[in-house]
Structures are given as structure tokens and as C-alpha cells.
N, C-alpha and C. Protein backbone atom coordinates (compact mmCIF):
# COMPACT_ATOMS: atom_id res chain seq x y z
N MET A 1 -18.77 -8.37 6.23
CA MET A 1 -16.99 -8.00 5.85
C MET A 1 -16.96 -7.97 4.73
N ASP A 2 -15.92 -7.19 4.18
CA ASP A 2 -14.89 -7.56 2.83
C ASP A 2 -14.61 -8.72 2.89
N LYS A 3 -13.96 -9.07 1.25
CA LYS A 3 -12.75 -10.08 1.82
C LYS A 3 -12.26 -10.28 0.62
N HIS A 4 -10.67 -9.50 1.02
CA HIS A 4 -9.91 -9.00 0.09
C HIS A 4 -8.58 -10.50 -0.56
N GLN A 5 -8.43 -10.78 -1.27
CA GLN A 5 -7.43 -11.50 -1.59
C GLN A 5 -6.03 -11.16 -1.53
N VAL A 6 -5.30 -10.05 -1.25
CA VAL A 6 -4.35 -10.03 -0.74
C VAL A 6 -4.29 -9.18 0.01
N VAL A 7 -3.76 -8.36 0.72
CA VAL A 7 -4.08 -6.84 2.09
C VAL A 7 -2.40 -6.85 2.11
N ILE A 8 -1.83 -5.16 1.92
CA ILE A 8 -1.24 -5.32 2.07
C ILE A 8 -0.99 -3.32 2.84
N ILE A 9 -0.48 -3.50 4.09
CA ILE A 9 -0.57 -2.77 4.80
C ILE A 9 0.31 -1.85 5.22
N GLY A 10 -0.15 -0.82 4.51
CA GLY A 10 1.10 0.65 4.27
C GLY A 10 1.30 0.86 2.29
N ALA A 11 1.51 2.31 1.96
CA ALA A 11 1.68 2.88 1.00
C ALA A 11 3.05 3.43 0.56
N GLY A 12 3.88 3.46 1.86
CA GLY A 12 5.39 3.37 1.16
C GLY A 12 5.64 2.46 0.17
N PRO A 13 6.77 3.41 -0.28
CA PRO A 13 7.67 2.06 -1.82
C PRO A 13 7.41 0.55 -1.37
N ALA A 14 7.29 0.47 -0.50
CA ALA A 14 7.92 -1.09 0.20
C ALA A 14 6.01 -1.77 -0.62
N GLY A 15 5.12 -1.20 0.04
CA GLY A 15 4.21 -1.44 -0.07
C GLY A 15 3.19 -1.10 -1.18
N VAL A 16 3.57 -0.45 -1.84
CA VAL A 16 3.35 0.09 -3.66
C VAL A 16 3.28 -0.67 -4.55
N THR A 17 5.17 -1.16 -4.15
CA THR A 17 5.85 -2.51 -5.12
C THR A 17 5.37 -3.66 -5.19
N ALA A 18 5.24 -3.68 -3.72
CA ALA A 18 4.45 -5.03 -3.50
C ALA A 18 2.88 -5.61 -4.02
N ALA A 19 1.83 -4.79 -4.49
CA ALA A 19 1.27 -4.06 -5.04
C ALA A 19 1.33 -4.07 -6.57
N ILE A 20 2.56 -3.83 -6.23
CA ILE A 20 2.34 -3.23 -8.42
C ILE A 20 2.89 -5.26 -8.31
N TYR A 21 3.47 -5.80 -7.75
CA TYR A 21 3.83 -7.40 -8.49
C TYR A 21 2.75 -8.13 -7.95
N ALA A 22 1.91 -7.67 -6.99
CA ALA A 22 1.03 -8.92 -6.69
C ALA A 22 0.00 -8.26 -7.91
N LEU A 23 -0.67 -7.38 -8.19
CA LEU A 23 -0.87 -6.96 -8.83
C LEU A 23 -1.23 -7.91 -10.26
N ARG A 24 0.04 -7.31 -11.04
CA ARG A 24 0.72 -8.64 -12.69
C ARG A 24 1.13 -10.00 -12.38
N SER A 25 0.96 -9.89 -10.91
CA SER A 25 0.91 -12.21 -10.80
C SER A 25 -1.19 -12.17 -11.21
N GLY A 26 -1.87 -11.29 -11.06
CA GLY A 26 -3.46 -11.84 -11.09
C GLY A 26 -4.20 -11.83 -10.03
N CYS A 27 -3.33 -11.15 -9.07
CA CYS A 27 -4.15 -11.22 -8.08
C CYS A 27 -4.37 -9.92 -7.66
N GLU A 28 -6.20 -10.27 -6.16
CA GLU A 28 -6.66 -8.82 -6.06
C GLU A 28 -6.44 -8.32 -4.82
N VAL A 29 -6.23 -7.22 -5.26
CA VAL A 29 -5.06 -6.48 -4.15
C VAL A 29 -5.77 -5.29 -3.21
N LEU A 30 -5.70 -5.10 -1.91
CA LEU A 30 -6.21 -3.55 -1.50
C LEU A 30 -5.25 -3.21 -0.64
N VAL A 31 -4.20 -1.92 -0.78
CA VAL A 31 -3.91 -1.21 -0.06
C VAL A 31 -4.02 -0.82 1.20
N ILE A 32 -3.50 -0.90 2.21
CA ILE A 32 -4.00 0.54 3.57
C ILE A 32 -3.42 0.94 4.12
N GLU A 33 -4.00 2.30 4.11
CA GLU A 33 -2.44 3.12 5.00
C GLU A 33 -4.04 4.15 5.34
N LYS A 34 -3.01 4.75 6.77
CA LYS A 34 -3.50 5.79 7.67
C LYS A 34 -3.35 6.99 7.21
N MET A 35 -2.62 7.34 6.38
CA MET A 35 -1.96 8.82 5.78
C MET A 35 -2.14 8.84 4.98
N MET A 36 -1.25 9.30 3.83
CA MET A 36 -1.38 8.72 2.41
C MET A 36 -0.47 8.22 1.38
N VAL A 37 -0.35 7.70 0.05
CA VAL A 37 0.68 6.94 -0.50
C VAL A 37 2.11 7.33 -0.47
N GLY A 38 2.43 6.26 -0.46
CA GLY A 38 3.91 7.06 -0.64
C GLY A 38 5.38 7.63 0.48
N GLY A 39 3.98 7.40 1.84
CA GLY A 39 5.09 7.17 3.26
C GLY A 39 5.79 8.71 3.35
N GLN A 40 7.16 8.31 4.08
CA GLN A 40 7.43 9.42 4.07
C GLN A 40 8.44 9.98 2.81
N VAL A 41 8.29 9.27 1.59
CA VAL A 41 8.92 9.97 0.32
C VAL A 41 7.82 10.73 -0.01
N ALA A 42 6.77 10.47 0.32
CA ALA A 42 5.29 11.83 -0.37
C ALA A 42 6.03 13.35 0.23
N THR A 43 6.63 12.93 1.38
CA THR A 43 6.83 14.37 2.00
C THR A 43 8.44 15.46 1.40
N CYS A 44 9.47 14.45 1.03
CA CYS A 44 10.11 14.37 0.47
C CYS A 44 10.54 15.75 -1.49
N ALA A 45 11.18 16.66 -1.55
CA ALA A 45 11.07 17.81 -2.45
C ALA A 45 12.14 17.36 -3.57
N ASP A 46 12.99 16.68 -2.83
CA ASP A 46 14.22 16.09 -3.98
C ASP A 46 15.06 15.02 -3.32
N ILE A 47 14.48 13.84 -3.78
CA ILE A 47 14.93 12.05 -3.09
C ILE A 47 15.89 12.18 -4.52
N ARG A 48 17.46 12.35 -4.07
CA ARG A 48 18.35 11.37 -4.84
C ARG A 48 19.26 10.19 -4.53
N ASN A 49 18.31 8.93 -3.79
CA ASN A 49 18.86 7.72 -3.74
C ASN A 49 18.14 7.12 -4.11
N PHE A 50 17.60 7.26 -5.26
CA PHE A 50 16.56 5.41 -6.27
C PHE A 50 17.77 5.22 -7.00
N PRO A 51 18.20 4.08 -7.50
CA PRO A 51 18.57 3.85 -7.97
C PRO A 51 18.12 4.29 -9.65
N ALA A 52 19.31 4.22 -10.68
CA ALA A 52 19.03 4.94 -12.22
C ALA A 52 18.28 6.03 -12.43
N ILE A 53 18.04 6.78 -10.67
CA ILE A 53 16.94 8.26 -11.14
C ILE A 53 17.71 8.94 -10.70
N ASP A 54 18.30 10.48 -11.32
CA ASP A 54 18.55 11.73 -10.80
C ASP A 54 17.91 12.49 -10.14
N HIS A 55 16.72 12.78 -9.76
CA HIS A 55 16.04 13.05 -8.93
C HIS A 55 14.50 12.66 -8.90
N LEU A 56 14.12 12.77 -8.14
CA LEU A 56 12.90 12.83 -7.81
C LEU A 56 12.30 13.64 -6.90
N ASP A 57 10.85 13.93 -7.48
CA ASP A 57 9.80 15.05 -6.82
C ASP A 57 8.80 13.80 -5.41
N GLY A 58 9.09 13.55 -4.47
CA GLY A 58 8.42 12.91 -3.57
C GLY A 58 6.90 12.63 -4.06
N LEU A 59 6.30 13.92 -4.04
CA LEU A 59 4.86 14.07 -4.23
C LEU A 59 4.31 13.33 -5.42
N LYS A 60 5.18 13.68 -6.56
CA LYS A 60 5.01 13.44 -8.13
C LYS A 60 4.86 12.07 -7.83
N TRP A 61 6.20 11.44 -7.29
CA TRP A 61 6.31 9.72 -6.59
C TRP A 61 4.81 9.47 -6.21
N SER A 62 4.61 9.68 -5.49
CA SER A 62 3.74 9.47 -4.85
C SER A 62 1.59 9.29 -5.55
N ARG A 63 2.11 10.80 -6.12
CA ARG A 63 0.88 10.33 -7.03
C ARG A 63 0.55 9.52 -8.36
N ASP A 64 1.98 9.22 -9.45
CA ASP A 64 2.04 8.70 -10.17
C ASP A 64 1.84 6.71 -9.96
N THR A 65 2.60 6.72 -8.83
CA THR A 65 2.49 5.80 -7.59
C THR A 65 1.30 4.83 -7.65
N ARG A 66 0.16 5.80 -6.93
CA ARG A 66 -1.15 5.68 -6.51
C ARG A 66 -1.66 5.25 -8.06
N LYS A 67 -1.55 6.47 -9.39
CA LYS A 67 -2.22 6.29 -10.51
C LYS A 67 -1.61 5.05 -10.87
N GLN A 68 -0.47 4.06 -10.95
CA GLN A 68 -0.50 3.17 -11.77
C GLN A 68 -0.78 1.76 -10.46
N VAL A 69 -0.99 1.54 -9.70
CA VAL A 69 -1.67 0.51 -8.85
C VAL A 69 -2.97 0.63 -9.26
N GLU A 70 -3.60 1.60 -9.07
CA GLU A 70 -5.18 1.79 -9.60
C GLU A 70 -5.29 1.66 -11.01
N ASP A 71 -4.65 1.86 -12.12
CA ASP A 71 -4.26 1.64 -12.88
C ASP A 71 -4.34 0.16 -13.61
N LEU A 72 -3.63 -0.81 -13.09
CA LEU A 72 -3.48 -2.30 -12.27
C LEU A 72 -5.09 -2.91 -11.78
N GLY A 73 -5.52 -1.97 -11.42
CA GLY A 73 -6.79 -2.69 -10.72
C GLY A 73 -6.99 -3.13 -9.44
N GLY A 74 -6.06 -2.26 -8.64
CA GLY A 74 -5.73 -2.68 -6.64
C GLY A 74 -6.88 -0.56 -6.92
N LYS A 75 -6.67 -1.43 -5.34
CA LYS A 75 -7.62 -0.13 -4.47
C LYS A 75 -7.08 0.43 -3.28
N PHE A 76 -7.38 1.55 -2.91
CA PHE A 76 -6.95 2.04 -1.25
C PHE A 76 -7.85 2.03 -0.75
N LEU A 77 -7.82 1.80 0.29
CA LEU A 77 -8.63 2.14 1.77
C LEU A 77 -8.01 2.89 2.60
N PHE A 78 -7.87 4.17 3.08
CA PHE A 78 -7.30 5.20 3.83
C PHE A 78 -8.17 5.09 5.66
N ASP A 79 -7.18 4.24 6.05
CA ASP A 79 -7.81 3.83 7.46
C ASP A 79 -7.03 3.26 8.34
N GLU A 80 -7.09 2.69 9.76
CA GLU A 80 -5.62 2.83 10.75
C GLU A 80 -6.08 1.43 11.10
N VAL A 81 -5.15 0.09 11.16
CA VAL A 81 -5.28 -0.93 11.47
C VAL A 81 -5.00 -1.31 13.12
N LEU A 82 -6.32 -1.51 13.95
CA LEU A 82 -6.00 -1.55 15.18
C LEU A 82 -5.96 -3.20 15.38
N ASP A 83 -6.41 -3.98 14.83
CA ASP A 83 -5.94 -5.35 15.02
C ASP A 83 -5.77 -6.70 14.14
N ILE A 84 -4.47 -7.54 14.29
CA ILE A 84 -4.52 -8.00 12.73
C ILE A 84 -5.13 -9.58 13.48
N ASP A 85 -5.79 -10.51 13.41
CA ASP A 85 -5.89 -11.65 13.84
C ASP A 85 -5.50 -12.51 13.01
N SER A 86 -4.64 -13.08 12.75
CA SER A 86 -3.53 -14.20 11.63
C SER A 86 -4.38 -15.28 12.20
N ASP A 87 -4.93 -15.77 13.07
CA ASP A 87 -5.41 -17.01 13.10
C ASP A 87 -6.72 -17.37 12.61
N TYR A 88 -7.99 -16.42 11.93
CA TYR A 88 -8.87 -15.93 11.82
C TYR A 88 -9.11 -15.36 10.24
N HIS A 89 -7.49 -14.94 9.79
CA HIS A 89 -7.34 -13.85 8.57
C HIS A 89 -8.41 -12.36 8.25
N ILE A 90 -8.66 -11.75 9.80
CA ILE A 90 -9.25 -10.69 10.34
C ILE A 90 -8.55 -9.40 10.32
N LEU A 91 -8.89 -8.45 9.98
CA LEU A 91 -8.11 -6.96 10.44
C LEU A 91 -9.45 -6.35 10.86
N THR A 92 -8.58 -5.99 11.77
CA THR A 92 -9.91 -4.25 12.60
C THR A 92 -9.38 -3.42 12.62
N LEU A 93 -10.03 -2.19 11.39
CA LEU A 93 -9.62 -1.22 11.57
C LEU A 93 -10.45 -0.13 11.79
N LYS A 94 -9.73 1.08 12.17
CA LYS A 94 -10.84 1.65 12.98
C LYS A 94 -12.51 2.17 12.87
N ASN A 95 -12.59 2.24 11.64
CA ASN A 95 -13.51 2.19 10.90
C ASN A 95 -13.96 0.86 10.06
N SER A 96 -14.42 -0.24 10.23
CA SER A 96 -14.34 -1.27 8.80
C SER A 96 -13.94 -2.96 9.73
N THR A 97 -13.60 -3.69 9.46
CA THR A 97 -13.71 -4.92 9.66
C THR A 97 -13.54 -5.70 8.34
N ILE A 98 -12.29 -6.44 7.98
CA ILE A 98 -11.51 -6.92 6.60
C ILE A 98 -11.38 -8.06 6.88
N GLU A 99 -11.47 -9.02 5.80
CA GLU A 99 -11.51 -10.37 6.14
C GLU A 99 -9.91 -11.26 5.34
N TYR A 100 -9.27 -11.54 4.84
CA TYR A 100 -8.07 -12.13 4.26
C TYR A 100 -7.24 -12.38 3.81
N GLY A 101 -6.66 -12.93 2.78
CA GLY A 101 -6.37 -14.34 2.13
C GLY A 101 -4.56 -14.38 2.61
N ASP A 102 -3.76 -12.72 1.39
CA ASP A 102 -2.56 -13.05 1.80
C ASP A 102 -2.76 -11.76 3.04
N LEU A 103 -1.37 -11.74 3.99
CA LEU A 103 -1.03 -10.27 3.96
C LEU A 103 0.06 -9.79 3.80
N VAL A 104 0.45 -8.81 3.52
CA VAL A 104 1.82 -7.78 3.64
C VAL A 104 1.88 -7.22 4.66
N LEU A 105 2.82 -7.00 5.47
CA LEU A 105 3.40 -5.92 6.02
C LEU A 105 4.53 -4.63 5.95
N ALA A 106 3.89 -3.70 5.21
CA ALA A 106 5.00 -2.93 4.83
C ALA A 106 4.63 -1.39 5.59
N LEU A 107 5.53 -1.48 6.93
CA LEU A 107 5.72 -0.74 7.66
C LEU A 107 6.02 0.29 8.14
N GLY A 108 7.13 0.50 7.20
CA GLY A 108 8.15 1.53 6.77
C GLY A 108 9.27 1.76 7.49
N SER A 109 9.68 3.40 7.76
CA SER A 109 10.25 3.48 8.60
C SER A 109 10.28 3.17 10.19
């Protein structure tokens, strides 16, 4: 069973932001996502509600964000979480089981 210091479930804006901050703090991070980095943002061609940004392409943001997390040393795992055992810090996924130290739920809308 793999063990990870910080596991983040969800790779939308909240999940990748949490990953970036944790990585910059020196943590080892795994982000679990069942679909794609960016969440619903990745499906939007014209985003105009990010502060200080006039226009944003969701798919480009998704690619750039994934690269930023990976460049900082973060890893992504594309799988589905089936069960969270918070007593023993174990996640049961569709294709594996993972032990975690800290868990962040960033489940999106």
C-alpha cells in the first residue's frame, strides 16, 4: 500500500491551489481526480470571473495548472475514491488502496 504525506481529493481550482500551497510548504502531495485536472473550469472556453484576469481559457488553465503542480513535485492519480477510512487514514480507490497522513477534500461544485 502506498503512503502519501498529503492527499488531496479533487483537482479543480480549490484542489490544485491546496496542492500548490502544500508543495511550497515542503509537503509531498498526491492529488486524486477521477476525470481531469481543472474540474468544470477545464470545460469552459471563456472564463471572466477570476480576479485580476480579463479572460481565461479553461483548458489552457487546466494544462498550465497541472504543469505547475508537477513542476513543484506534486503527483496526480486519476482514479475514483470509493471509501475514506479516517480512523486508519486509508483511502480505498477503484484501482488501489492508499494510506495518507493528511487529507484535503476539494470536491468542487
